[in-house]
Protein backbone atom coordinates (compact mmCIF):
# COMPACT_ATOMS: atom_id res chain seq x y z
CA MET A 1 -18.06 -45.87 -48.80
CA ALA A 2 -17.12 -42.31 -48.02
CA ALA A 3 -19.96 -40.14 -46.55
CA ASP A 4 -18.75 -36.87 -48.19
CA ASP A 5 -19.32 -37.83 -51.83
CA VAL A 6 -22.57 -39.81 -52.18
CA ARG A 7 -26.05 -39.01 -53.59
CA ILE A 8 -29.11 -40.72 -51.99
CA LEU A 9 -32.62 -40.92 -53.29
CA GLY A 10 -35.09 -41.07 -50.45
CA ILE A 11 -38.79 -42.08 -50.63
CA GLU A 12 -41.40 -41.17 -48.06
CA GLY A 13 -45.01 -42.30 -47.79
CA THR A 14 -46.01 -43.17 -44.25
CA ALA A 15 -49.48 -41.38 -44.33
CA TRP A 16 -50.33 -38.29 -46.47
CA ALA A 17 -46.99 -37.11 -48.17
CA ALA A 18 -46.05 -38.94 -51.36
CA SER A 19 -42.43 -37.59 -51.38
CA ALA A 20 -39.14 -38.29 -53.04
CA ALA A 21 -35.79 -36.38 -52.48
CA VAL A 22 -32.28 -36.35 -53.56
CA HIS A 23 -29.56 -35.65 -50.96
CA ASP A 24 -26.07 -34.86 -52.10
CA THR A 25 -23.53 -35.24 -49.30
CA ALA A 26 -20.73 -33.47 -51.18
CA THR A 27 -22.69 -30.19 -51.47
CA GLY A 28 -25.18 -30.52 -48.63
CA GLU A 29 -27.97 -29.88 -51.00
CA THR A 30 -31.32 -31.58 -50.53
CA VAL A 31 -34.10 -31.29 -53.15
CA ILE A 32 -37.57 -32.53 -52.33
CA GLU A 33 -40.57 -33.36 -54.44
CA THR A 34 -43.93 -33.76 -52.62
CA GLU A 35 -47.56 -34.36 -53.53
CA ALA A 36 -49.76 -34.13 -50.48
CA TYR A 37 -52.89 -36.14 -49.92
CA GLN A 38 -55.95 -33.93 -48.98
CA PRO A 39 -58.97 -35.72 -47.86
CA GLU A 40 -62.28 -34.18 -48.88
CA SER A 41 -63.65 -34.52 -45.36
CA GLY A 42 -62.76 -35.77 -42.00
CA GLY A 43 -59.20 -37.22 -41.33
CA ILE A 44 -56.93 -39.49 -43.31
CA HIS A 45 -58.67 -42.46 -44.89
CA PRO A 46 -56.23 -45.28 -45.22
CA ARG A 47 -57.73 -46.59 -48.50
CA GLU A 48 -57.73 -43.15 -50.11
CA ALA A 49 -54.24 -42.44 -48.79
CA ALA A 50 -53.00 -45.66 -50.36
CA GLU A 51 -54.60 -44.71 -53.63
CA HIS A 52 -52.91 -41.37 -53.52
CA MET A 53 -49.46 -43.15 -52.89
CA GLY A 54 -50.09 -45.50 -55.73
CA GLU A 55 -50.74 -42.62 -58.08
CA GLN A 56 -48.19 -40.02 -56.86
CA VAL A 57 -45.21 -42.01 -55.65
CA PRO A 58 -44.04 -43.05 -59.16
CA GLU A 59 -44.41 -39.36 -60.31
CA VAL A 60 -42.33 -37.84 -57.45
CA VAL A 61 -39.69 -40.57 -57.83
CA GLU A 62 -39.26 -39.88 -61.48
CA ARG A 63 -38.99 -36.16 -60.77
CA ALA A 64 -36.36 -36.79 -58.15
CA LEU A 65 -34.44 -39.15 -60.46
CA ALA A 66 -34.43 -36.43 -63.11
CA ILE A 67 -32.89 -34.00 -60.61
CA ALA A 68 -30.31 -36.67 -59.56
CA ARG A 69 -29.38 -37.04 -63.26
CA GLU A 70 -28.81 -33.31 -63.55
CA MET A 71 -26.46 -33.45 -60.51
CA HIS A 72 -24.65 -36.57 -61.77
CA ASP A 73 -21.48 -35.93 -63.78
CA GLY A 74 -20.06 -39.31 -64.35
CA ASP A 75 -20.57 -42.87 -65.37
CA GLY A 76 -22.91 -45.30 -63.48
CA PRO A 77 -26.21 -44.75 -61.76
CA PRO A 78 -27.29 -41.26 -60.78
CA VAL A 79 -27.65 -42.18 -57.20
CA ASP A 80 -25.54 -44.34 -54.84
CA ALA A 81 -28.39 -45.77 -52.78
CA VAL A 82 -32.17 -45.74 -52.36
CA ALA A 83 -33.55 -45.05 -48.88
CA PHE A 84 -37.25 -45.48 -47.86
CA SER A 85 -39.38 -45.14 -44.80
CA ARG A 86 -40.03 -48.61 -43.45
CA GLY A 87 -42.41 -47.38 -40.76
CA PRO A 88 -44.09 -46.47 -38.62
CA GLY A 89 -47.14 -45.45 -40.58
CA LEU A 90 -50.21 -46.77 -42.41
CA GLY A 91 -49.50 -50.24 -43.69
CA PRO A 92 -51.20 -49.87 -47.16
CA CYS A 93 -49.12 -46.66 -47.85
CA LEU A 94 -45.88 -48.16 -46.58
CA ARG A 95 -46.20 -51.27 -48.84
CA ILE A 96 -46.40 -48.96 -51.94
CA VAL A 97 -43.28 -47.02 -50.93
CA GLY A 98 -41.45 -50.27 -50.08
CA THR A 99 -42.39 -51.79 -53.39
CA ALA A 100 -41.20 -48.64 -55.26
CA ALA A 101 -37.91 -48.58 -53.28
CA ARG A 102 -37.13 -52.15 -54.00
CA ALA A 103 -37.82 -51.81 -57.68
CA LEU A 104 -35.73 -48.71 -58.07
CA SER A 105 -32.82 -50.32 -56.06
CA GLN A 106 -32.88 -53.31 -58.38
CA ARG A 107 -33.39 -51.22 -61.55
CA LEU A 108 -30.30 -49.01 -60.73
CA ASP A 109 -28.37 -51.79 -58.96
CA VAL A 110 -27.61 -49.80 -55.90
CA PRO A 111 -27.93 -50.72 -52.26
CA LEU A 112 -31.23 -50.37 -50.27
CA VAL A 113 -31.60 -48.54 -46.99
CA GLY A 114 -34.59 -48.87 -44.68
CA VAL A 115 -35.17 -45.88 -42.42
CA ASN A 116 -37.28 -45.39 -39.36
CA HIS A 117 -39.55 -42.45 -40.07
CA MET A 118 -39.40 -41.07 -36.45
CA VAL A 119 -35.68 -41.43 -36.13
CA ALA A 120 -35.41 -39.55 -39.37
CA HIS A 121 -37.38 -36.67 -37.77
CA LEU A 122 -34.81 -36.60 -35.06
CA GLU A 123 -31.78 -36.97 -37.21
CA ILE A 124 -32.67 -34.17 -39.66
CA GLY A 125 -32.84 -31.84 -36.63
CA ARG A 126 -29.44 -33.10 -35.30
CA HIS A 127 -27.98 -32.79 -38.81
CA GLU A 128 -29.21 -29.40 -39.50
CA SER A 129 -28.52 -27.92 -36.11
CA GLY A 130 -24.89 -29.37 -35.68
CA PHE A 131 -25.88 -30.49 -32.11
CA ASP A 132 -23.92 -33.44 -30.67
CA SER A 133 -26.44 -35.37 -28.75
CA PRO A 134 -29.75 -33.48 -28.26
CA VAL A 135 -32.93 -34.61 -26.81
CA CYS A 136 -35.68 -34.60 -29.36
CA LEU A 137 -39.32 -33.77 -29.06
CA ASN A 138 -41.28 -35.50 -31.91
CA ALA A 139 -44.71 -33.99 -32.40
CA SER A 140 -46.53 -35.21 -35.37
CA GLY A 141 -49.87 -36.48 -36.44
CA ALA A 142 -49.80 -40.11 -35.17
CA ASN A 143 -46.91 -39.68 -32.71
CA ALA A 144 -45.72 -37.79 -29.77
CA HIS A 145 -42.70 -38.75 -27.75
CA VAL A 146 -39.35 -37.46 -26.34
CA LEU A 147 -36.09 -39.27 -27.35
CA GLY A 148 -32.62 -39.29 -26.02
CA TYR A 149 -29.53 -41.30 -27.22
CA ARG A 150 -27.91 -43.86 -25.07
CA ASN A 151 -25.85 -46.93 -25.63
CA GLY A 152 -26.46 -47.29 -29.37
CA ARG A 153 -30.16 -46.51 -29.37
CA TYR A 154 -32.62 -43.75 -29.15
CA ARG A 155 -34.48 -44.27 -25.93
CA VAL A 156 -38.14 -43.23 -25.40
CA LEU A 157 -38.03 -41.03 -22.39
CA GLY A 158 -41.74 -40.11 -22.56
CA GLU A 159 -44.63 -40.58 -24.95
CA THR A 160 -48.38 -40.27 -25.45
CA MET A 161 -50.48 -42.79 -23.68
CA ASP A 162 -53.42 -42.51 -25.99
CA THR A 163 -53.07 -40.66 -29.40
CA GLY A 164 -50.61 -38.53 -31.34
CA VAL A 165 -50.78 -34.82 -30.79
CA GLY A 166 -51.74 -33.95 -34.33
CA ASN A 167 -54.43 -36.59 -34.45
CA ALA A 168 -55.85 -35.33 -31.12
CA ILE A 169 -56.10 -31.78 -32.60
CA ASP A 170 -57.63 -33.11 -35.65
CA LYS A 171 -60.35 -34.95 -33.56
CA PHE A 172 -61.30 -31.55 -32.06
CA THR A 173 -61.37 -29.77 -35.39
CA ARG A 174 -63.52 -32.43 -36.95
CA HIS A 175 -66.03 -31.80 -34.15
CA LEU A 176 -66.13 -28.24 -35.48
CA GLY A 177 -66.56 -29.37 -39.10
CA TRP A 178 -63.14 -28.23 -40.12
CA SER A 179 -61.29 -29.95 -42.85
CA HIS A 180 -57.94 -31.80 -42.50
CA PRO A 181 -55.39 -30.85 -41.18
CA GLY A 182 -56.71 -29.10 -38.22
CA GLY A 183 -53.54 -27.80 -36.61
CA PRO A 184 -52.93 -24.67 -38.77
CA LYS A 185 -56.73 -23.80 -38.40
CA VAL A 186 -56.34 -24.10 -34.58
CA GLU A 187 -53.23 -21.87 -34.73
CA GLU A 188 -54.95 -19.19 -36.80
CA ALA A 189 -58.21 -19.12 -34.58
CA ALA A 190 -56.05 -18.95 -31.48
CA ARG A 191 -54.71 -15.59 -32.45
CA ASP A 192 -57.96 -14.05 -31.60
CA GLY A 193 -58.73 -16.05 -28.44
CA GLU A 194 -58.43 -15.70 -24.70
CA TYR A 195 -57.36 -18.31 -22.22
CA VAL A 196 -59.81 -20.87 -20.95
CA ASP A 197 -58.85 -23.67 -18.41
CA LEU A 198 -58.58 -27.16 -19.79
CA PRO A 199 -57.33 -30.53 -18.30
CA TYR A 200 -53.50 -30.68 -17.94
CA VAL A 201 -52.14 -34.27 -17.89
CA VAL A 202 -48.46 -35.00 -17.41
CA LYS A 203 -47.28 -38.20 -15.77
CA GLY A 204 -43.49 -37.99 -15.41
CA MET A 205 -42.54 -37.53 -19.01
CA ASP A 206 -45.63 -39.23 -20.40
CA PHE A 207 -48.67 -37.32 -21.42
CA SER A 208 -52.34 -37.94 -22.56
CA PHE A 209 -54.56 -35.80 -24.80
CA SER A 210 -57.89 -37.67 -24.79
CA GLY A 211 -59.20 -35.80 -21.69
CA ILE A 212 -58.31 -32.33 -22.92
CA MET A 213 -59.85 -32.99 -26.33
CA SER A 214 -63.06 -34.15 -24.75
CA ALA A 215 -63.09 -31.16 -22.55
CA ALA A 216 -62.46 -28.71 -25.48
CA LYS A 217 -65.38 -30.24 -27.44
CA GLN A 218 -67.62 -29.86 -24.46
CA ALA A 219 -66.40 -26.22 -23.89
CA VAL A 220 -67.46 -25.37 -27.49
CA ASP A 221 -70.78 -27.11 -27.08
CA GLN A 222 -71.41 -25.13 -23.91
CA GLY A 223 -70.94 -21.79 -25.43
CA GLU A 224 -67.31 -20.93 -25.17
CA THR A 225 -66.05 -19.18 -28.31
CA VAL A 226 -64.14 -21.34 -30.72
CA GLU A 227 -61.25 -18.80 -30.69
CA ASP A 228 -60.94 -18.98 -26.86
CA VAL A 229 -61.00 -22.72 -26.78
CA CYS A 230 -58.35 -22.99 -29.61
CA PHE A 231 -56.21 -20.53 -27.65
CA GLY A 232 -56.66 -22.61 -24.42
CA LEU A 233 -56.05 -25.84 -26.35
CA GLN A 234 -52.72 -24.57 -27.74
CA GLU A 235 -51.51 -23.13 -24.44
CA THR A 236 -52.33 -26.37 -22.56
CA VAL A 237 -51.15 -29.00 -25.00
CA PHE A 238 -47.98 -27.24 -25.91
CA ALA A 239 -47.22 -26.39 -22.42
CA MET A 240 -47.43 -30.18 -21.71
CA LEU A 241 -44.99 -30.95 -24.51
CA THR A 242 -42.58 -28.23 -23.28
CA GLU A 243 -42.71 -29.48 -19.78
CA VAL A 244 -41.85 -33.04 -20.66
CA SER A 245 -39.15 -31.82 -22.84
CA GLU A 246 -37.61 -29.88 -19.98
CA ARG A 247 -37.94 -32.97 -17.79
CA ALA A 248 -36.02 -34.91 -20.41
CA LEU A 249 -33.18 -32.29 -20.49
CA SER A 250 -32.96 -32.45 -16.74
CA LEU A 251 -33.01 -36.26 -16.55
CA THR A 252 -30.28 -36.79 -19.18
CA GLY A 253 -28.22 -33.71 -18.38
CA SER A 254 -28.43 -32.58 -22.03
CA ASP A 255 -28.43 -28.80 -22.87
CA GLU A 256 -29.52 -29.31 -26.42
CA LEU A 257 -33.17 -29.80 -27.83
CA VAL A 258 -34.33 -30.30 -31.32
CA LEU A 259 -37.88 -30.47 -32.55
CA GLY A 260 -39.33 -32.90 -35.10
CA GLY A 261 -42.74 -33.62 -36.68
CA GLY A 262 -45.40 -31.75 -38.58
CA VAL A 263 -46.99 -30.29 -35.44
CA GLY A 264 -43.69 -28.67 -34.84
CA GLN A 265 -44.46 -26.05 -37.61
CA ASN A 266 -46.65 -24.37 -35.04
CA ARG A 267 -44.98 -21.11 -34.09
CA ARG A 268 -46.48 -21.03 -30.68
CA LEU A 269 -44.98 -24.45 -29.83
CA GLN A 270 -41.65 -23.23 -31.14
CA ALA A 271 -41.81 -20.07 -29.06
CA MET A 272 -42.56 -22.12 -25.92
CA LEU A 273 -39.73 -24.54 -26.46
CA GLY A 274 -37.32 -21.57 -27.13
CA GLU A 275 -38.35 -19.80 -23.99
CA MET A 276 -37.92 -22.87 -21.89
CA CYS A 277 -34.51 -23.48 -23.19
CA ASP A 278 -33.51 -19.89 -22.73
CA GLN A 279 -34.62 -19.95 -19.15
CA ARG A 280 -32.50 -22.97 -18.32
CA GLY A 281 -29.52 -22.02 -20.47
CA ALA A 282 -30.02 -24.77 -23.19
CA ASP A 283 -29.94 -24.57 -27.00
CA PHE A 284 -33.02 -25.16 -29.14
CA TYR A 285 -33.35 -25.79 -32.79
CA ALA A 286 -36.42 -26.20 -35.00
CA PRO A 287 -35.74 -27.24 -38.62
CA ASP A 288 -37.29 -25.48 -41.57
CA ASP A 289 -40.91 -26.33 -42.19
CA ARG A 290 -39.99 -28.48 -45.18
CA PHE A 291 -38.05 -30.77 -42.91
CA LEU A 292 -40.67 -30.77 -40.08
CA ARG A 293 -43.65 -32.01 -42.04
CA ASP A 294 -43.35 -35.49 -43.52
CA ASN A 295 -40.81 -35.38 -46.28
CA ALA A 296 -38.36 -37.55 -48.18
CA GLY A 297 -35.44 -35.23 -47.54
CA MET A 298 -35.02 -36.42 -43.95
CA ILE A 299 -35.19 -40.06 -45.24
CA ALA A 300 -32.43 -39.36 -47.75
CA VAL A 301 -30.24 -37.55 -45.15
CA LEU A 302 -30.44 -40.37 -42.64
CA GLY A 303 -30.11 -42.87 -45.52
CA ALA A 304 -26.71 -41.35 -46.27
CA LYS A 305 -25.52 -41.79 -42.66
CA MET A 306 -26.75 -45.33 -42.64
CA LEU A 307 -25.11 -46.07 -45.97
CA ALA A 308 -21.69 -44.74 -44.67
CA ALA A 309 -22.12 -47.08 -41.72
CA GLY A 310 -22.76 -49.94 -43.95
CA ASP A 311 -26.35 -50.31 -42.68
CA THR A 312 -28.08 -51.58 -45.84
CA ILE A 313 -30.62 -54.37 -46.25
CA PRO A 314 -31.16 -57.10 -48.75
CA VAL A 315 -34.19 -56.76 -50.88
CA ALA A 316 -35.48 -60.02 -49.33
CA ASP A 317 -35.33 -58.54 -45.90
CA SER A 318 -36.83 -55.25 -46.64
CA ALA A 319 -40.43 -55.78 -45.32
CA ILE A 320 -42.22 -52.67 -43.84
CA ASP A 321 -43.15 -52.38 -40.25
CA PRO A 322 -46.23 -50.29 -39.45
CA ASP A 323 -45.35 -50.29 -35.76
CA PHE A 324 -41.69 -49.62 -36.18
CA ARG A 325 -40.59 -47.86 -32.93
CA PRO A 326 -37.60 -45.58 -32.73
CA ASP A 327 -36.19 -47.41 -29.76
CA GLU A 328 -36.01 -50.61 -31.92
CA VAL A 329 -33.44 -49.19 -34.31
CA PRO A 330 -29.72 -49.93 -33.74
CA VAL A 331 -28.04 -46.56 -34.29
CA THR A 332 -25.08 -47.74 -36.36
CA TRP A 333 -24.13 -44.34 -37.70
CA ARG A 334 -23.28 -42.88 -34.24
CA SER A 335 -20.53 -43.61 -31.77
CA GLY A 336 -19.81 -42.59 -28.17
CA GLU A 337 -22.11 -41.92 -25.22
CA ALA A 338 -24.87 -39.41 -24.51
CA VAL A 339 -23.43 -35.97 -23.90
CA GLY A 340 -24.65 -34.10 -20.84
CA LYS A 341 -23.34 -31.64 -18.28
CA ARG A 342 -23.83 -33.21 -14.92
CA ARG A 343 -23.06 -30.97 -11.95
CA ARG A 344 -22.92 -32.77 -8.63
CA ASP A 345 -21.31 -30.26 -6.30
CA ASP A 346 -23.20 -27.08 -7.35
CA ARG A 347 -24.91 -25.14 -4.57
CA GLU A 348 -27.81 -24.23 -6.96
CA VAL A 349 -29.25 -26.81 -9.26
CA GLN A 350 -31.79 -26.20 -12.06
CA GLY A 351 -34.37 -28.96 -12.17
CA ALA A 352 -37.22 -29.65 -14.54
CA GLU A 353 -39.58 -27.08 -12.88
CA ALA A 354 -37.80 -25.65 -9.92
CA THR A 355 -34.55 -24.26 -8.73
CA VAL A 356 -32.94 -25.93 -5.72
CA THR A 357 -30.42 -24.00 -3.52
CA ILE A 358 -28.37 -26.15 -1.07
CA ALA A 359 -27.08 -24.67 2.06
CA ASP A 360 -25.31 -27.05 4.41
CA ASP A 361 -28.08 -29.36 5.90
CA ARG A 362 -31.05 -27.66 4.10
CA VAL A 363 -32.44 -27.48 0.70
CA VAL A 364 -34.60 -24.55 -0.50
CA LYS A 365 -36.89 -25.40 -3.46
CA ARG A 366 -38.40 -22.63 -5.41
CA ARG A 367 -40.87 -23.18 -8.21
CA LEU A 368 -40.17 -20.05 -10.18
CA PRO A 369 -42.55 -18.88 -12.91
CA ARG A 370 -42.12 -20.64 -16.24
CA SER A 371 -42.47 -17.90 -18.81
CA TYR A 372 -43.57 -20.24 -21.62
CA ARG A 373 -46.79 -21.06 -19.80
CA HIS A 374 -49.77 -18.93 -19.64
CA PRO A 375 -49.74 -16.99 -16.30
CA ARG A 376 -52.96 -18.52 -15.13
CA LEU A 377 -51.92 -22.02 -15.95
CA ASP A 378 -48.35 -21.56 -14.58
CA GLU A 379 -49.61 -20.13 -11.21
CA ARG A 380 -52.12 -22.95 -10.78
CA LEU A 381 -49.59 -25.79 -11.53
CA ARG A 382 -46.87 -24.22 -9.34
CA ARG A 383 -49.18 -23.87 -6.25
CA GLU A 384 -50.90 -27.26 -6.68
CA ARG A 385 -47.51 -29.08 -7.01
CA THR A 386 -46.02 -27.21 -4.04
CA ARG A 387 -49.00 -28.08 -1.86
CA GLU A 388 -48.94 -31.80 -3.04
CA GLU A 389 -45.19 -32.14 -2.60
CA ALA A 390 -45.34 -30.83 0.94
CA ARG A 391 -48.32 -33.14 1.82
CA LEU A 392 -47.09 -36.27 0.20
CA THR A 393 -43.46 -36.06 1.23
CA SER A 394 -44.57 -36.11 4.77
CA GLU A 395 -47.20 -38.80 4.11
CA ALA A 396 -44.64 -41.07 2.61
CA ARG A 397 -42.34 -40.58 5.53
CA ARG A 398 -45.09 -41.48 7.92
CA HIS A 399 -45.43 -44.73 6.09
CA GLY A 400 -41.82 -45.60 6.62
CA VAL A 401 -40.42 -44.46 3.19
CA PRO A 402 -37.18 -42.46 3.59
CA THR A 403 -37.83 -38.78 2.44
CA PRO A 404 -36.37 -35.44 3.55
CA VAL A 405 -37.83 -33.66 6.53
CA LEU A 406 -39.99 -30.83 5.56
CA TYR A 407 -39.03 -27.80 7.59
CA ASP A 408 -41.25 -25.14 5.96
CA ALA A 409 -43.77 -24.68 3.17
CA ASP A 410 -45.11 -21.44 1.60
CA VAL A 411 -47.71 -22.41 -1.00
CA ARG A 412 -48.38 -18.87 -2.08
CA GLU A 413 -44.62 -18.21 -2.79
CA THR A 414 -44.27 -21.82 -4.08
CA THR A 415 -41.24 -22.42 -1.85
CA LEU A 416 -40.43 -25.47 0.27
CA VAL A 417 -37.50 -25.88 2.77
CA PHE A 418 -36.29 -29.55 3.17
CA GLU A 419 -33.62 -31.41 4.98
CA HIS A 420 -30.68 -32.09 2.69
CA VAL A 421 -30.48 -35.88 2.11
CA GLY A 422 -28.17 -38.14 0.16
CA ASP A 423 -25.00 -37.20 -1.68
CA ARG A 424 -25.98 -37.82 -5.20
CA ASP A 425 -28.90 -38.65 -7.50
CA LEU A 426 -29.76 -42.26 -8.23
CA ARG A 427 -28.96 -41.38 -11.92
CA ASP A 428 -25.27 -41.08 -10.88
CA ALA A 429 -25.20 -44.26 -8.70
CA LEU A 430 -27.38 -46.89 -10.32
CA THR A 431 -27.21 -50.29 -8.73
CA GLU A 432 -29.70 -53.15 -8.41
CA SER A 433 -29.96 -52.88 -4.73
CA ARG A 434 -30.81 -49.12 -4.88
CA VAL A 435 -33.35 -49.73 -7.50
CA ARG A 436 -34.85 -52.51 -5.56
CA ASP A 437 -35.26 -49.86 -2.70
CA VAL A 438 -37.21 -47.73 -5.13
CA GLY A 439 -39.42 -50.63 -6.08
CA ARG A 440 -40.27 -51.30 -2.41
CA HIS A 441 -40.78 -47.61 -1.66
CA LEU A 442 -43.25 -47.31 -4.45
CA ALA A 443 -45.14 -50.42 -3.33
CA THR A 444 -45.37 -48.94 0.13
CA ILE A 445 -46.88 -45.50 -0.89
CA HIS A 446 -49.23 -47.21 -3.30
CA ALA A 447 -50.53 -49.44 -0.48
CA ALA A 448 -51.14 -46.20 1.45
CA GLY A 449 -53.23 -44.84 -1.45
CA PHE A 450 -51.11 -42.34 -3.37
CA VAL A 451 -48.52 -42.15 -6.12
CA HIS A 452 -45.20 -40.34 -6.56
CA GLY A 453 -46.05 -39.22 -10.09
CA ASP A 454 -42.55 -38.78 -11.27
CA PRO A 455 -40.15 -41.43 -9.74
CA THR A 456 -37.27 -40.84 -12.18
CA THR A 457 -33.62 -41.49 -11.46
CA ARG A 458 -33.27 -37.82 -10.69
CA ASN A 459 -36.02 -37.86 -8.17
CA VAL A 460 -34.28 -40.40 -5.94
CA ARG A 461 -31.34 -39.50 -3.66
CA VAL A 462 -28.92 -42.10 -2.34
CA GLY A 463 -26.16 -42.24 0.24
CA GLY A 464 -25.52 -39.65 2.99
CA GLY A 465 -26.31 -41.76 6.05
CA ASP A 466 -29.43 -42.18 8.07
CA SER A 467 -31.65 -39.05 8.37
CA GLY A 468 -33.69 -40.60 11.09
CA ALA A 469 -36.58 -41.68 8.86
CA THR A 470 -38.24 -44.83 9.85
CA GLY A 471 -37.12 -47.92 8.00
CA GLY A 472 -40.52 -49.77 7.44
CA ALA A 473 -40.11 -49.68 3.65
CA GLY A 474 -36.66 -51.39 3.82
CA SER A 475 -33.31 -50.15 2.78
CA ASP A 476 -30.43 -52.04 1.13
CA ASP A 477 -27.00 -50.70 2.08
CA ALA A 478 -24.84 -53.21 0.12
CA ASP A 479 -23.61 -50.39 -2.20
CA GLY A 480 -21.60 -48.31 0.15
CA GLY A 481 -24.05 -47.26 2.95
CA GLY A 482 -26.67 -44.69 3.26
CA ARG A 483 -30.31 -44.70 2.43
CA THR A 484 -32.32 -44.40 -0.74
CA TYR A 485 -34.75 -41.48 -0.50
CA LEU A 486 -37.63 -40.55 -2.59
CA ILE A 487 -37.92 -36.80 -3.33
CA ASP A 488 -39.96 -34.31 -5.34
CA PHE A 489 -43.60 -35.58 -5.01
CA GLY A 490 -44.95 -32.60 -6.88
CA LEU A 491 -46.73 -34.63 -9.45
CA GLY A 492 -48.13 -37.03 -6.89
CA TYR A 493 -51.73 -37.52 -5.88
CA TYR A 494 -54.05 -39.79 -3.93
CA THR A 495 -55.68 -42.72 -5.88
CA ASP A 496 -56.86 -46.14 -5.59
CA ASP A 497 -56.45 -46.92 -9.34
CA VAL A 498 -54.09 -49.72 -10.31
CA GLU A 499 -53.61 -47.86 -13.63
CA ASP A 500 -52.05 -44.86 -11.77
CA TYR A 501 -49.79 -47.24 -9.67
CA ALA A 502 -48.55 -49.00 -12.75
CA MET A 503 -47.84 -45.62 -14.28
CA ASP A 504 -45.45 -44.85 -11.55
CA LEU A 505 -43.56 -47.93 -12.59
CA HIS A 506 -43.67 -46.99 -16.22
CA VAL A 507 -42.13 -43.65 -15.48
CA LEU A 508 -39.35 -45.37 -13.55
CA ALA A 509 -38.81 -47.78 -16.40
CA GLN A 510 -38.43 -44.98 -19.06
CA SER A 511 -36.01 -43.08 -16.81
CA LEU A 512 -33.89 -46.11 -16.36
CA ALA A 513 -33.80 -46.77 -20.23
CA GLY A 514 -32.52 -43.04 -20.54
CA THR A 515 -29.89 -43.17 -17.84
CA ALA A 516 -28.75 -46.73 -17.23
CA ASP A 517 -26.46 -49.09 -19.20
CA ASP A 518 -28.50 -52.17 -18.20
CA PRO A 519 -32.01 -50.84 -17.85
CA GLU A 520 -33.70 -54.26 -18.38
CA ALA A 521 -31.84 -55.93 -15.30
CA LEU A 522 -32.45 -52.88 -13.13
CA LEU A 523 -36.17 -52.74 -13.98
CA ASP A 524 -36.48 -56.44 -13.20
CA ALA A 525 -34.89 -55.77 -9.85
CA ALA A 526 -37.44 -53.02 -9.14
CA GLU A 527 -40.44 -55.11 -10.23
CA THR A 528 -39.25 -58.06 -8.15
CA ALA A 529 -38.87 -55.91 -5.05
CA TYR A 530 -42.32 -54.27 -5.78
CA ARG A 531 -43.94 -57.70 -5.76
CA SER A 532 -42.27 -58.68 -2.60
CA VAL A 533 -44.12 -56.07 -0.59
CA GLY A 534 -46.89 -54.78 -2.93
CA ASP A 535 -49.66 -55.96 -5.19
CA GLY A 536 -48.36 -57.98 -8.07
CA ALA A 537 -51.33 -56.93 -10.11
CA VAL A 538 -49.74 -53.59 -10.52
CA VAL A 539 -46.65 -55.14 -12.20
CA ASP A 540 -48.96 -57.08 -14.44
CA HIS A 541 -50.76 -54.00 -15.38
CA LEU A 542 -47.49 -52.38 -16.30
CA ARG A 543 -47.26 -54.80 -19.24
CA GLU A 544 -50.59 -53.51 -20.50
CA ILE A 545 -49.33 -49.90 -20.28
CA GLU A 546 -46.23 -50.79 -22.20
CA GLY A 547 -48.24 -52.24 -25.07
CA ARG A 548 -50.48 -49.20 -25.12
CA GLY A 549 -47.36 -47.01 -25.25
CA ARG A 550 -46.33 -48.70 -28.47
CA TYR A 551 -49.04 -46.82 -30.31
CA GLN A 552 -47.73 -45.33 -33.56
């Protein structure tokens, strides 16, 4: 079926928005009808939300159908397919939406399309922006993750380890007695606030909000003004999201970023992301608010793409999935590989948080100010990370892990001078033997009582001969010679917690998913090598972390 002359009716109802929409691919017009659920107190109550869906979904569907009939100027049904959100979301709500979609598909005798709600958030940004292959930050109530396309799927490059960003903010505002949703109220209060320090937790491209929300509640209880805490909360949480977005751009080589999710309506978050992209020469796009909050328009738009690819489902196989992850979706409507601008020979490289200048056998790394972050937060992070990178790079080397020699460190100026090692990033030369090296290196530093913090395929250098580092951690040269070096320990720290060690492996796994053609085999090689010299309980704990990361 041609993609330029179809009309799709989409139905959304994952949590609070009973929504139906009509998308006409010939004109590009998308009309959305929505009735929002507003709890009287507290957060979303699943039973009440389901009752709302039961009452409002039939109403918005009939209104959307009436609009479709007005658009329709021929024989046959007014729409060519019915698309609906299969998940993730609240099971009772999803079941009502699924039932309505199946009934309407059978009534009109048109195909049924099952859409992943979070992929729809990404695709509406890609559709509206015209970007080719962007990284996407999804920031919504129950979700927070960064996605990038590779080998026919959207890969989760980073995600929340506890709760969605919107839900986290709502937990704080419920502590204040504010009604749902809390995000807009925090944004309003923050306009009159001053910065206060709160915990900042980024682990590679993953993040956690539980600690900062507890600290924010405690700060209010101890006398900090609500306005100041709201200001500090926004500055910290959104800086975390912006930083992981920049790390994802750096990892994938992409120069395009789109925003998705209801929290994305926050103007401060949009400003931070825009500033970050401007600073690194990338393009940023935030859809209109009507496409950021939960809506059926994005379901209909993606439904049209899936229909054109023949990606429909029989009614008998249309069960909903409350835990439907975006990386479980075969992306049938796209072809080709991820697009990125990977520069191997430049003398100046823009990383995720630093500029690296290469001069012969030396590398000068400068953590320049990030304008999107509050100055106090920015200065603290840059100095802390410069200090830890200097300390842990040398510490790892003492334990036999190949790392660059540190020639000079100026913490005040956040500048480091290293030996230039390797001739390329691991990202550009992925093999099982090199990844095995990384597994052994991580096991070695964990046994020494610290973590790398960000062991992505961009923070490993390969090739380039022997720098003279001791070889106690092992090195497999079967792929053309040279060593496998760990670099960039800026997010590292001392710890004896198996959780922290397993998080190192989790960060590696996510970066492999975003940069490798066969990430499963490579990760298996890394885990096997880790077990050969390290504590197998760490790998076992990785399985627990992976299950936790499947939070929706």
